[in-house]
Protein backbone atom coordinates (compact mmCIF):
# COMPACT_ATOMS: atom_id res chain seq x y z
CA MET A 1 -7.22 -5.86 -9.80
CA PHE A 2 -6.94 -2.12 -9.13
CA VAL A 3 -3.20 -2.43 -8.49
CA ALA A 4 -2.88 -4.44 -11.72
CA GLY A 5 -4.27 -1.48 -13.66
CA TYR A 6 -8.00 -2.18 -13.93
CA GLN A 7 -10.38 0.77 -13.70
CA PHE A 8 -13.76 0.26 -12.04
CA GLN A 9 -17.10 1.91 -12.46
CA VAL A 10 -20.07 1.37 -10.16
CA LEU A 11 -22.91 0.13 -12.34
CA THR A 12 -25.80 0.98 -10.03
CA PRO A 13 -26.32 2.87 -6.75
CA LEU A 14 -27.32 -0.49 -5.26
CA PHE A 15 -23.63 -1.16 -4.66
CA THR A 16 -22.85 2.20 -3.02
CA VAL A 17 -25.01 1.80 0.12
CA HIS A 18 -25.06 -0.95 2.71
CA TRP A 19 -27.93 -0.73 5.20
CA GLY A 20 -26.71 -3.64 7.30
CA LEU A 21 -23.88 -1.81 9.07
CA GLN A 22 -23.23 -3.17 12.53
CA ASN A 23 -21.58 -1.83 15.60
CA LYS A 24 -19.03 -3.87 17.51
CA LYS A 25 -21.28 -4.38 20.54
CA SER A 26 -24.10 -6.01 18.56
CA ARG A 27 -21.87 -8.63 16.89
CA PRO A 28 -21.61 -12.14 18.29
CA ALA A 29 -18.24 -13.11 19.80
CA TRP A 30 -17.49 -15.59 16.99
CA ARG A 31 -17.75 -12.78 14.43
CA GLU A 32 -15.04 -10.71 16.15
CA ARG A 33 -12.75 -13.76 16.28
CA GLN A 34 -13.41 -14.30 12.57
CA ASN A 35 -12.61 -10.64 11.82
CA ASN A 36 -9.31 -10.92 13.70
CA VAL A 37 -8.30 -13.97 11.67
CA ASN A 38 -9.34 -12.21 8.44
CA ARG A 39 -7.24 -9.14 9.35
CA LYS A 40 -4.17 -11.37 9.62
CA TYR A 41 -4.92 -12.93 6.22
CA PHE A 42 -5.34 -9.46 4.73
CA GLU A 43 -1.92 -8.34 6.03
CA VAL A 44 -0.33 -11.27 4.17
CA PHE A 45 -2.44 -10.56 1.06
CA LYS A 46 -1.31 -6.90 0.96
CA ARG A 47 2.36 -7.93 1.00
CA GLU A 48 1.75 -10.51 -1.75
CA VAL A 49 0.06 -7.90 -3.99
CA PHE A 50 2.95 -5.50 -3.49
CA ALA A 51 5.51 -8.22 -4.21
CA ARG A 52 3.76 -9.08 -7.46
CA TYR A 53 3.04 -5.57 -8.81
CA HIS A 54 5.65 -3.44 -6.97
CA LYS A 55 2.96 -0.80 -6.41
CA ASP A 56 1.05 0.38 -3.35
CA PRO A 57 -1.25 3.12 -4.74
CA LEU A 58 -3.61 2.98 -1.76
CA ARG A 59 -0.67 3.07 0.69
CA MET A 60 -1.92 -0.08 2.41
CA LEU A 61 1.54 -1.03 3.63
CA LEU A 62 2.04 2.17 5.62
CA PRO A 63 1.81 1.91 9.41
CA LYS A 64 -1.71 2.23 10.79
CA LYS A 65 -2.82 5.63 12.05
CA SER A 66 -4.56 6.12 15.35
CA PRO A 67 -8.39 6.47 15.14
CA LYS A 68 -8.13 10.24 15.77
CA GLN A 69 -5.90 10.67 12.70
CA GLN A 70 -8.02 8.57 10.31
CA HIS A 71 -10.90 11.01 9.80
CA GLY A 72 -9.06 13.71 7.90
CA PRO A 73 -10.08 15.37 4.63
CA GLY A 74 -11.33 12.95 2.01
CA VAL A 75 -11.81 10.07 4.44
CA ALA A 76 -15.26 8.62 4.99
CA GLY A 77 -16.35 8.88 8.60
CA PRO A 78 -18.48 6.47 10.63
CA GLY A 79 -21.66 5.46 8.82
CA VAL A 80 -20.49 6.89 5.49
CA ALA A 81 -20.16 4.51 2.58
CA ALA A 82 -17.15 5.25 0.42
CA VAL A 83 -17.41 4.11 -3.18
CA GLY A 84 -14.34 2.16 -4.10
CA ALA A 85 -13.05 -0.36 -6.58
CA GLY A 86 -14.87 -3.26 -4.98
CA VAL A 87 -17.82 -3.83 -7.28
CA GLY A 88 -18.29 -3.01 -10.91
CA ALA A 89 -17.07 -3.71 -14.36
CA GLY A 90 -13.33 -3.54 -14.71
CA GLU A 91 -11.33 -2.67 -17.75
CA LYS A 92 -7.57 -2.89 -17.77
CA HIS A 93 -5.61 0.05 -19.19
């Protein structure tokens, strides 16, 4: 929806914090297998969104950076919740 031009606003702080963050070691094995399958689905989804809208404003199609490069300025680090366009009321402009 963001790529299609919707703008999002978080309606309440309830949606900006998630207390149930897990670390990889505490997850059951089935959950990691599920995450790996979901990552593959997401790669296909990203290409489909780009094909439809011809936009990649979040640069999701760029090659992945190494973990050392990911925590630059403006990037949320471990344990930091970044507010994004995931939850809220959308209005297309």
